[in-house]
Amino acid sequence: MKKITILISSIILFFFINGCAGYEPIFSSTNLQFEIADYSIKGDKTLGGKIYSKLHDISKNNKNNQDAKNIELFINVTKTKDSTSKDTSGKILEYKITLNVEVEIQDFITSDEILNQTFTSSTAYKVQSQYSDTIKLENKSIEDLINKIYQELLIKLSQNIGT
C-alpha cells in the first residue's frame, strides 16, 4: 500500500513539474528588441547611470538583430530626501526618499516618440542608531526604488515597442 501511494504521488508531482515547463512571463525583457544608439543622462547622473546600465544590458542582446529598433534614450533623475518625523528634541527619526525619473525614448532614425513617461516612486526608512547603518538603509531603499521604476519602465517599453 505504501509503494502505491508513493508511486501515485510521484506521478502527480511529475505532471505538476512538467506543466510548468513552458512558463514565460507576459512582459519579458528578452522580447524587447531595441538597441540604444544614443543616450543622455541629466539630473542625478549616478542614479541615471544605473537605470541606463540595466537598459544597456538588454540592448546588448540585440546587437546583431536586424529587427531591433535603434532608439535614442533621455533620462532625467531627481532625488529628494525629506524628514517625515522628529522626536520632541527635534532629532529626525524617519526620512522619505522620492525618485522622479523622466524617460524619453525616440526612434533614432525617424525621431518618432516611442515613450515619454515620468515615473515617481518613494519610500520611507527609519534612522538607525549607527550612522553607517542609516546610510546602508538609505542606499538599499534607493536601490529598491530604482528596481521598481526599472520594472515599470520595462512594462511601458514592452507595450510601446512590441515584438
C-alpha atoms as a PDB file:
ATOM      1  CA  MET A   1       0.000   0.000   0.000  1.00  0.00           C
ATOM      2  CA  LYS A   2       2.858   2.353   0.837  1.00  0.00           C
ATOM      3  CA  LYS A   3       4.533   1.734  -2.540  1.00  0.00           C
ATOM      4  CA  ILE A   4       1.322   2.543  -4.413  1.00  0.00           C
ATOM      5  CA  THR A   5       0.860   5.887  -2.640  1.00  0.00           C
ATOM      6  CA  ILE A   6       4.486   6.809  -3.299  1.00  0.00           C
ATOM      7  CA  LEU A   7       4.084   5.867  -6.965  1.00  0.00           C
ATOM      8  CA  ILE A   8       0.856   7.857  -7.348  1.00  0.00           C
ATOM      9  CA  SER A   9       2.292  10.914  -5.595  1.00  0.00           C
ATOM     10  CA  SER A  10       5.419  10.703  -7.784  1.00  0.00           C
ATOM     11  CA  ILE A  11       3.296  10.635 -10.939  1.00  0.00           C
ATOM     12  CA  ILE A  12       1.231  13.619  -9.751  1.00  0.00           C
ATOM     13  CA  LEU A  13       4.395  15.531  -8.865  1.00  0.00           C
ATOM     14  CA  PHE A  14       5.825  14.746 -12.320  1.00  0.00           C
ATOM     15  CA  PHE A  15       2.727  16.200 -14.011  1.00  0.00           C
ATOM     16  CA  PHE A  16       2.880  19.374 -11.911  1.00  0.00           C
ATOM     17  CA  ILE A  17       6.555  19.918 -12.696  1.00  0.00           C
ATOM     18  CA  ASN A  18       6.060  19.159 -16.385  1.00  0.00           C
ATOM     19  CA  GLY A  19       3.086  21.545 -16.565  1.00  0.00           C
ATOM     20  CA  CYS A  20       5.269  24.494 -15.528  1.00  0.00           C
ATOM     21  CA  ALA A  21       7.985  23.805 -18.087  1.00  0.00           C
ATOM     22  CA  GLY A  22       6.679  26.278 -20.691  1.00  0.00           C
ATOM     23  CA  TYR A  23       6.220  29.220 -18.340  1.00  0.00           C
ATOM     24  CA  GLU A  24       7.064  32.573 -19.887  1.00  0.00           C
ATOM     25  CA  PRO A  25       6.260  35.940 -18.301  1.00  0.00           C
ATOM     26  CA  ILE A  26       3.948  38.278 -20.180  1.00  0.00           C
ATOM     27  CA  PHE A  27       6.313  41.250 -20.139  1.00  0.00           C
ATOM     28  CA  SER A  28       9.669  39.569 -20.606  1.00  0.00           C
ATOM     29  CA  SER A  29      12.714  41.742 -21.153  1.00  0.00           C
ATOM     30  CA  THR A  30      14.081  39.228 -23.665  1.00  0.00           C
ATOM     31  CA  ASN A  31      11.177  40.014 -26.017  1.00  0.00           C
ATOM     32  CA  LEU A  32      12.159  43.669 -26.234  1.00  0.00           C
ATOM     33  CA  GLN A  33      14.015  44.226 -29.462  1.00  0.00           C
ATOM     34  CA  PHE A  34      15.827  47.532 -29.284  1.00  0.00           C
ATOM     35  CA  GLU A  35      19.355  48.826 -29.442  1.00  0.00           C
ATOM     36  CA  ILE A  36      20.439  52.061 -27.777  1.00  0.00           C
ATOM     37  CA  ALA A  37      22.085  54.192 -30.460  1.00  0.00           C
ATOM     38  CA  ASP A  38      22.458  57.349 -28.344  1.00  0.00           C
ATOM     39  CA  TYR A  39      21.661  58.361 -24.784  1.00  0.00           C
ATOM     40  CA  SER A  40      21.696  61.365 -22.485  1.00  0.00           C
ATOM     41  CA  ILE A  41      21.519  61.478 -18.681  1.00  0.00           C
ATOM     42  CA  LYS A  42      20.565  64.588 -16.719  1.00  0.00           C
ATOM     43  CA  GLY A  43      19.983  65.264 -13.051  1.00  0.00           C
ATOM     44  CA  ASP A  44      21.478  62.693 -10.701  1.00  0.00           C
ATOM     45  CA  LYS A  45      23.956  61.047 -13.076  1.00  0.00           C
ATOM     46  CA  THR A  46      24.740  58.152 -10.715  1.00  0.00           C
ATOM     47  CA  LEU A  47      21.126  57.020 -10.449  1.00  0.00           C
ATOM     48  CA  GLY A  48      20.504  57.709 -14.138  1.00  0.00           C
ATOM     49  CA  GLY A  49      23.560  55.621 -14.970  1.00  0.00           C
ATOM     50  CA  LYS A  50      22.149  52.685 -13.005  1.00  0.00           C
ATOM     51  CA  ILE A  51      18.913  52.777 -14.981  1.00  0.00           C
ATOM     52  CA  TYR A  52      20.834  53.183 -18.253  1.00  0.00           C
ATOM     53  CA  SER A  53      23.122  50.227 -17.486  1.00  0.00           C
ATOM     54  CA  LYS A  54      20.116  47.971 -16.868  1.00  0.00           C
ATOM     55  CA  LEU A  55      18.615  49.017 -20.216  1.00  0.00           C
ATOM     56  CA  HIS A  56      22.001  48.701 -21.928  1.00  0.00           C
ATOM     57  CA  ASP A  57      22.284  45.079 -20.755  1.00  0.00           C
ATOM     58  CA  ILE A  58      19.028  44.269 -22.569  1.00  0.00           C
ATOM     59  CA  SER A  59      20.179  46.266 -25.589  1.00  0.00           C
ATOM     60  CA  LYS A  60      23.422  44.258 -25.888  1.00  0.00           C
ATOM     61  CA  ASN A  61      21.409  41.094 -26.530  1.00  0.00           C
ATOM     62  CA  ASN A  62      20.031  42.670 -29.722  1.00  0.00           C
ATOM     63  CA  LYS A  63      23.373  43.818 -31.150  1.00  0.00           C
ATOM     64  CA  ASN A  64      23.217  41.533 -34.202  1.00  0.00           C
ATOM     65  CA  ASN A  65      19.424  41.517 -34.525  1.00  0.00           C
ATOM     66  CA  GLN A  66      18.291  43.204 -37.746  1.00  0.00           C
ATOM     67  CA  ASP A  67      14.718  43.636 -36.450  1.00  0.00           C
ATOM     68  CA  ALA A  68      15.800  45.609 -33.372  1.00  0.00           C
ATOM     69  CA  LYS A  69      14.823  49.280 -33.290  1.00  0.00           C
ATOM     70  CA  ASN A  70      17.582  51.818 -32.840  1.00  0.00           C
ATOM     71  CA  ILE A  71      16.499  54.194 -30.112  1.00  0.00           C
ATOM     72  CA  GLU A  72      17.643  57.440 -28.560  1.00  0.00           C
ATOM     73  CA  LEU A  73      17.284  57.493 -24.771  1.00  0.00           C
ATOM     74  CA  PHE A  74      16.969  60.532 -22.481  1.00  0.00           C
ATOM     75  CA  ILE A  75      16.918  60.004 -18.707  1.00  0.00           C
ATOM     76  CA  ASN A  76      16.450  62.745 -16.091  1.00  0.00           C
ATOM     77  CA  VAL A  77      16.564  61.619 -12.454  1.00  0.00           C
ATOM     78  CA  THR A  78      15.870  63.787  -9.413  1.00  0.00           C
ATOM     79  CA  LYS A  79      16.095  62.548  -5.845  1.00  0.00           C
ATOM     80  CA  THR A  80      14.552  64.289  -2.848  1.00  0.00           C
ATOM     81  CA  LYS A  81      15.106  63.347   0.761  1.00  0.00           C
ATOM     82  CA  ASP A  82      12.730  64.804   3.350  1.00  0.00           C
ATOM     83  CA  SER A  83      12.334  64.165   7.042  1.00  0.00           C
ATOM     84  CA  THR A  84       8.914  62.757   7.895  1.00  0.00           C
ATOM     85  CA  SER A  85       9.040  62.507  11.679  1.00  0.00           C
ATOM     86  CA  LYS A  86      11.016  64.050  14.516  1.00  0.00           C
ATOM     87  CA  ASP A  87      11.113  63.435  18.232  1.00  0.00           C
ATOM     88  CA  THR A  88      10.408  66.120  20.860  1.00  0.00           C
ATOM     89  CA  SER A  89      14.014  67.339  20.812  1.00  0.00           C
ATOM     90  CA  GLY A  90      13.938  67.856  17.037  1.00  0.00           C
ATOM     91  CA  LYS A  91      16.019  64.794  16.157  1.00  0.00           C
ATOM     92  CA  ILE A  92      14.946  63.198  12.867  1.00  0.00           C
ATOM     93  CA  LEU A  93      13.508  59.710  13.272  1.00  0.00           C
ATOM     94  CA  GLU A  94      12.448  58.933   9.711  1.00  0.00           C
ATOM     95  CA  TYR A  95      13.230  60.050   6.173  1.00  0.00           C
ATOM     96  CA  LYS A  96      11.270  59.780   2.953  1.00  0.00           C
ATOM     97  CA  ILE A  97      13.144  59.392  -0.338  1.00  0.00           C
ATOM     98  CA  THR A  98      11.381  60.190  -3.597  1.00  0.00           C
ATOM     99  CA  LEU A  99      12.802  59.370  -7.015  1.00  0.00           C
ATOM    100  CA  ASN A 100      11.389  61.175 -10.019  1.00  0.00           C
ATOM    101  CA  VAL A 101      12.571  59.674 -13.312  1.00  0.00           C
ATOM    102  CA  GLU A 102      11.669  61.236 -16.647  1.00  0.00           C
ATOM    103  CA  VAL A 103      12.304  58.922 -19.569  1.00  0.00           C
ATOM    104  CA  GLU A 104      12.001  59.911 -23.210  1.00  0.00           C
ATOM    105  CA  ILE A 105      12.643  57.360 -25.925  1.00  0.00           C
ATOM    106  CA  GLN A 106      12.670  58.222 -29.612  1.00  0.00           C
ATOM    107  CA  ASP A 107      13.290  56.246 -32.760  1.00  0.00           C
ATOM    108  CA  PHE A 108      16.870  57.108 -33.722  1.00  0.00           C
ATOM    109  CA  ILE A 109      16.204  57.180 -37.469  1.00  0.00           C
ATOM    110  CA  THR A 110      12.780  58.833 -37.700  1.00  0.00           C
ATOM    111  CA  SER A 111      12.796  60.755 -34.374  1.00  0.00           C
ATOM    112  CA  ASP A 112       9.286  59.446 -33.674  1.00  0.00           C
ATOM    113  CA  GLU A 113       8.453  59.433 -29.977  1.00  0.00           C
ATOM    114  CA  ILE A 114       8.170  55.907 -28.602  1.00  0.00           C
ATOM    115  CA  LEU A 115       7.815  56.728 -24.916  1.00  0.00           C
ATOM    116  CA  ASN A 116       7.647  59.919 -22.870  1.00  0.00           C
ATOM    117  CA  GLN A 117       6.865  58.999 -19.294  1.00  0.00           C
ATOM    118  CA  THR A 118       7.590  60.226 -15.788  1.00  0.00           C
ATOM    119  CA  PHE A 119       7.965  57.579 -13.101  1.00  0.00           C
ATOM    120  CA  THR A 120       7.712  58.604  -9.458  1.00  0.00           C
ATOM    121  CA  SER A 121       8.306  56.308  -6.532  1.00  0.00           C
ATOM    122  CA  SER A 122       9.022  56.900  -2.863  1.00  0.00           C
ATOM    123  CA  THR A 123       9.766  55.022   0.310  1.00  0.00           C
ATOM    124  CA  ALA A 124      10.419  55.836   3.937  1.00  0.00           C
ATOM    125  CA  TYR A 125      13.108  54.485   6.221  1.00  0.00           C
ATOM    126  CA  LYS A 126      13.911  54.941   9.891  1.00  0.00           C
ATOM    127  CA  VAL A 127      17.108  56.452  11.213  1.00  0.00           C
ATOM    128  CA  GLN A 128      19.292  53.792  12.816  1.00  0.00           C
ATOM    129  CA  SER A 129      21.404  54.158  15.942  1.00  0.00           C
ATOM    130  CA  GLN A 130      24.607  53.930  13.890  1.00  0.00           C
ATOM    131  CA  TYR A 131      25.085  56.458  11.082  1.00  0.00           C
ATOM    132  CA  SER A 132      26.640  53.834   8.811  1.00  0.00           C
ATOM    133  CA  ASP A 133      23.553  51.633   9.240  1.00  0.00           C
ATOM    134  CA  THR A 134      21.361  54.578   8.261  1.00  0.00           C
ATOM    135  CA  ILE A 135      23.435  55.140   5.113  1.00  0.00           C
ATOM    136  CA  LYS A 136      23.206  51.425   4.225  1.00  0.00           C
ATOM    137  CA  LEU A 137      19.438  51.524   4.699  1.00  0.00           C
ATOM    138  CA  GLU A 138      19.199  54.663   2.550  1.00  0.00           C
ATOM    139  CA  ASN A 139      21.245  53.058  -0.236  1.00  0.00           C
ATOM    140  CA  LYS A 140      19.131  49.886  -0.056  1.00  0.00           C
ATOM    141  CA  SER A 141      15.948  51.989  -0.273  1.00  0.00           C
ATOM    142  CA  ILE A 142      17.276  53.847  -3.320  1.00  0.00           C
ATOM    143  CA  GLU A 143      18.268  50.572  -4.997  1.00  0.00           C
ATOM    144  CA  ASP A 144      14.768  49.183  -4.380  1.00  0.00           C
ATOM    145  CA  LEU A 145      13.209  52.322  -5.866  1.00  0.00           C
ATOM    146  CA  ILE A 146      15.437  52.085  -8.948  1.00  0.00           C
ATOM    147  CA  ASN A 147      14.448  48.440  -9.452  1.00  0.00           C
ATOM    148  CA  LYS A 148      10.758  49.298  -9.072  1.00  0.00           C
ATOM    149  CA  ILE A 149      10.982  52.133 -11.592  1.00  0.00           C
ATOM    150  CA  TYR A 150      13.008  49.932 -13.952  1.00  0.00           C
ATOM    151  CA  GLN A 151      10.291  47.254 -13.857  1.00  0.00           C
ATOM    152  CA  GLU A 152       7.611  49.862 -14.605  1.00  0.00           C
ATOM    153  CA  LEU A 153       9.757  51.192 -17.453  1.00  0.00           C
ATOM    154  CA  LEU A 154      10.118  47.708 -18.942  1.00  0.00           C
ATOM    155  CA  ILE A 155       6.356  47.237 -18.894  1.00  0.00           C
ATOM    156  CA  LYS A 156       5.777  50.554 -20.678  1.00  0.00           C
ATOM    157  CA  LEU A 157       8.559  49.791 -23.162  1.00  0.00           C
ATOM    158  CA  SER A 158       7.155  46.373 -23.976  1.00  0.00           C
ATOM    159  CA  GLN A 159       3.741  47.938 -24.612  1.00  0.00           C
ATOM    160  CA  ASN A 160       5.157  50.644 -26.891  1.00  0.00           C
ATOM    161  CA  ILE A 161       7.946  48.865 -28.771  1.00  0.00           C
ATOM    162  CA  GLY A 162       6.330  45.458 -29.095  1.00  0.00           C
ATOM    163  CA  THR A 163       8.000  42.424 -30.526  1.00  0.00           C
END
